[in-house]
């Protein structure tokens, strides 16, 4: 088992997990509200641009109509 004192690159929580403690590592909350909005908007635009046209073509008499 690696010794955390010998490896300065290990974080404190990673070192505690190596030694057997069961403390989960927590990530910092760095996602800002406007980033969340941008991801949501991009998901909606992506869905509308790539998924819905194939759905519309298959049900609306396009070249791939059933």
N, C-alpha and C. Protein backbone atom coordinates (compact mmCIF):
# COMPACT_ATOMS: atom_id res chain seq x y z
N UNK A 1 0.85 -1.17 0.00
CA UNK A 1 0.00 0.00 0.00
C UNK A 1 0.90 1.24 0.00
N UNK A 2 0.64 2.22 -0.91
CA UNK A 2 1.49 3.41 -0.95
C UNK A 2 1.35 4.25 0.30
N UNK A 3 2.44 4.83 0.70
CA UNK A 3 2.45 5.69 1.87
C UNK A 3 2.16 7.12 1.42
N UNK A 4 1.10 7.78 1.96
CA UNK A 4 0.77 9.14 1.53
C UNK A 4 1.85 10.16 1.87
N UNK A 5 2.64 9.89 2.90
CA UNK A 5 3.71 10.82 3.25
C UNK A 5 4.84 10.78 2.23
N UNK A 6 5.00 9.67 1.54
CA UNK A 6 6.05 9.55 0.54
C UNK A 6 5.67 10.18 -0.79
N UNK A 7 4.37 10.32 -1.07
CA UNK A 7 3.91 10.86 -2.33
C UNK A 7 3.18 12.18 -2.09
N UNK A 8 3.81 13.31 -2.35
CA UNK A 8 3.17 14.60 -2.08
C UNK A 8 2.06 14.92 -3.08
N UNK A 9 1.91 14.15 -4.15
CA UNK A 9 0.88 14.42 -5.16
C UNK A 9 -0.50 13.91 -4.76
N UNK A 10 -0.57 13.10 -3.71
CA UNK A 10 -1.85 12.58 -3.26
C UNK A 10 -2.60 13.65 -2.45
N UNK A 11 -3.89 13.80 -2.73
CA UNK A 11 -4.67 14.74 -1.93
C UNK A 11 -4.95 14.12 -0.56
N UNK A 12 -5.45 14.92 0.34
CA UNK A 12 -5.72 14.42 1.69
C UNK A 12 -6.81 13.37 1.67
N UNK A 13 -7.85 13.57 0.83
CA UNK A 13 -8.92 12.57 0.81
C UNK A 13 -8.48 11.31 0.09
N UNK A 14 -7.66 11.45 -0.94
CA UNK A 14 -7.16 10.25 -1.62
C UNK A 14 -6.25 9.48 -0.67
N UNK A 15 -5.46 10.18 0.10
CA UNK A 15 -4.58 9.52 1.06
C UNK A 15 -5.40 8.82 2.14
N UNK A 16 -6.50 9.44 2.58
CA UNK A 16 -7.31 8.80 3.62
C UNK A 16 -8.00 7.56 3.06
N UNK A 17 -8.39 7.58 1.77
CA UNK A 17 -9.00 6.41 1.17
C UNK A 17 -8.00 5.27 1.03
N UNK A 18 -6.75 5.60 0.78
CA UNK A 18 -5.71 4.57 0.68
C UNK A 18 -5.48 3.91 2.03
N UNK A 19 -5.54 4.70 3.09
CA UNK A 19 -5.27 4.15 4.42
C UNK A 19 -6.45 3.38 4.97
N UNK A 20 -7.60 3.36 4.27
CA UNK A 20 -8.70 2.53 4.70
C UNK A 20 -9.88 3.29 5.26
N UNK A 21 -9.81 4.58 5.42
CA UNK A 21 -10.97 5.33 5.91
C UNK A 21 -12.00 5.40 4.79
N UNK A 22 -13.27 5.44 5.15
CA UNK A 22 -14.32 5.42 4.14
C UNK A 22 -14.97 6.79 3.98
N UNK A 23 -14.18 7.83 3.93
CA UNK A 23 -14.70 9.18 3.71
C UNK A 23 -14.74 9.43 2.20
N UNK A 24 -15.92 9.68 1.62
CA UNK A 24 -15.98 9.93 0.17
C UNK A 24 -15.36 11.28 -0.19
N UNK A 25 -14.74 11.31 -1.35
CA UNK A 25 -14.15 12.56 -1.81
C UNK A 25 -15.25 13.43 -2.39
N UNK A 26 -15.28 14.69 -1.99
CA UNK A 26 -16.31 15.62 -2.47
C UNK A 26 -15.72 16.54 -3.51
N UNK A 27 -16.51 16.80 -4.54
CA UNK A 27 -16.07 17.71 -5.59
C UNK A 27 -16.59 19.11 -5.28
N UNK A 28 -15.84 20.10 -5.69
CA UNK A 28 -16.26 21.47 -5.48
C UNK A 28 -17.39 21.83 -6.42
N UNK A 29 -18.31 22.67 -5.95
CA UNK A 29 -19.42 23.12 -6.79
C UNK A 29 -18.94 24.31 -7.62
N UNK A 30 -18.57 24.04 -8.85
CA UNK A 30 -18.04 25.11 -9.69
C UNK A 30 -18.95 25.47 -10.85
N UNK A 31 -20.08 24.81 -10.98
CA UNK A 31 -20.99 25.07 -12.08
C UNK A 31 -21.86 26.27 -11.73
N UNK A 32 -21.71 27.33 -12.49
CA UNK A 32 -22.46 28.56 -12.23
C UNK A 32 -23.84 28.46 -12.87
N UNK A 33 -24.81 29.22 -12.35
CA UNK A 33 -26.18 29.13 -12.87
C UNK A 33 -26.29 29.41 -14.37
N UNK A 34 -25.53 30.37 -14.88
CA UNK A 34 -25.63 30.64 -16.32
C UNK A 34 -25.00 29.52 -17.15
N UNK A 35 -24.08 28.77 -16.59
CA UNK A 35 -23.54 27.61 -17.29
C UNK A 35 -24.59 26.50 -17.37
N UNK A 36 -25.34 26.34 -16.29
CA UNK A 36 -26.42 25.34 -16.29
C UNK A 36 -27.45 25.70 -17.35
N UNK A 37 -27.80 26.99 -17.44
CA UNK A 37 -28.74 27.45 -18.47
C UNK A 37 -28.18 27.18 -19.86
N UNK A 38 -26.89 27.44 -20.06
CA UNK A 38 -26.28 27.22 -21.38
C UNK A 38 -26.29 25.74 -21.76
N UNK A 39 -26.05 24.87 -20.81
CA UNK A 39 -26.09 23.43 -21.08
C UNK A 39 -27.52 23.00 -21.42
N UNK A 40 -28.50 23.52 -20.67
CA UNK A 40 -29.90 23.18 -20.93
C UNK A 40 -30.33 23.68 -22.31
N UNK A 41 -29.96 24.90 -22.64
CA UNK A 41 -30.32 25.46 -23.94
C UNK A 41 -29.65 24.67 -25.07
N UNK A 42 -28.39 24.35 -24.90
CA UNK A 42 -27.69 23.56 -25.91
C UNK A 42 -28.29 22.18 -26.09
N UNK A 43 -28.76 21.59 -25.00
CA UNK A 43 -29.41 20.28 -25.10
C UNK A 43 -30.71 20.38 -25.87
N UNK A 44 -31.48 21.43 -25.59
CA UNK A 44 -32.75 21.62 -26.29
C UNK A 44 -32.52 21.88 -27.78
N UNK A 45 -31.56 22.70 -28.11
CA UNK A 45 -31.26 22.99 -29.51
C UNK A 45 -30.74 21.75 -30.21
N UNK A 46 -29.87 21.01 -29.55
CA UNK A 46 -29.34 19.78 -30.13
C UNK A 46 -30.43 18.76 -30.37
N UNK A 47 -31.37 18.63 -29.44
CA UNK A 47 -32.47 17.70 -29.62
C UNK A 47 -33.32 18.13 -30.81
N UNK A 48 -33.60 19.41 -30.89
CA UNK A 48 -34.42 19.92 -31.98
C UNK A 48 -33.74 19.83 -33.33
N UNK A 49 -32.43 19.92 -33.36
CA UNK A 49 -31.71 19.94 -34.64
C UNK A 49 -31.36 18.55 -35.15
N UNK A 50 -31.19 17.59 -34.26
CA UNK A 50 -30.68 16.29 -34.70
C UNK A 50 -31.66 15.13 -34.50
N UNK A 51 -32.49 15.18 -33.49
CA UNK A 51 -33.39 14.07 -33.21
C UNK A 51 -34.75 14.27 -33.86
N UNK A 52 -35.34 15.44 -33.67
CA UNK A 52 -36.69 15.66 -34.18
C UNK A 52 -36.83 15.60 -35.69
N UNK A 53 -35.89 16.10 -36.49
CA UNK A 53 -36.09 16.00 -37.95
C UNK A 53 -36.26 14.57 -38.44
N UNK A 54 -35.53 13.63 -37.90
CA UNK A 54 -35.69 12.24 -38.34
C UNK A 54 -37.06 11.70 -37.93
N UNK A 55 -37.53 12.14 -36.77
CA UNK A 55 -38.86 11.75 -36.31
C UNK A 55 -39.92 12.33 -37.23
N UNK A 56 -39.77 13.58 -37.57
CA UNK A 56 -40.73 14.25 -38.45
C UNK A 56 -40.71 13.62 -39.84
N UNK A 57 -39.55 13.30 -40.35
CA UNK A 57 -39.47 12.72 -41.69
C UNK A 57 -40.10 11.33 -41.73
N UNK A 58 -39.94 10.58 -40.65
CA UNK A 58 -40.48 9.22 -40.66
C UNK A 58 -42.00 9.21 -40.54
N UNK A 59 -42.57 10.21 -39.90
CA UNK A 59 -44.03 10.22 -39.75
C UNK A 59 -44.72 11.17 -40.71
N UNK A 60 -43.98 12.07 -41.37
CA UNK A 60 -44.61 13.08 -42.19
C UNK A 60 -44.50 12.85 -43.68
N UNK A 61 -44.07 11.71 -44.13
CA UNK A 61 -44.02 11.45 -45.55
C UNK A 61 -42.72 11.85 -46.20
N UNK A 62 -41.66 11.91 -45.45
CA UNK A 62 -40.36 12.23 -46.04
C UNK A 62 -39.81 11.04 -46.79
N UNK A 63 -38.56 11.13 -47.22
CA UNK A 63 -37.96 10.03 -48.00
C UNK A 63 -37.88 8.71 -47.24
N UNK A 64 -37.92 8.76 -45.92
CA UNK A 64 -37.84 7.54 -45.12
C UNK A 64 -39.17 7.19 -44.47
N UNK A 65 -40.27 7.58 -45.11
CA UNK A 65 -41.60 7.34 -44.53
C UNK A 65 -41.88 5.84 -44.48
N UNK A 66 -42.61 5.46 -43.48
CA UNK A 66 -42.94 4.03 -43.30
C UNK A 66 -44.13 3.65 -44.12
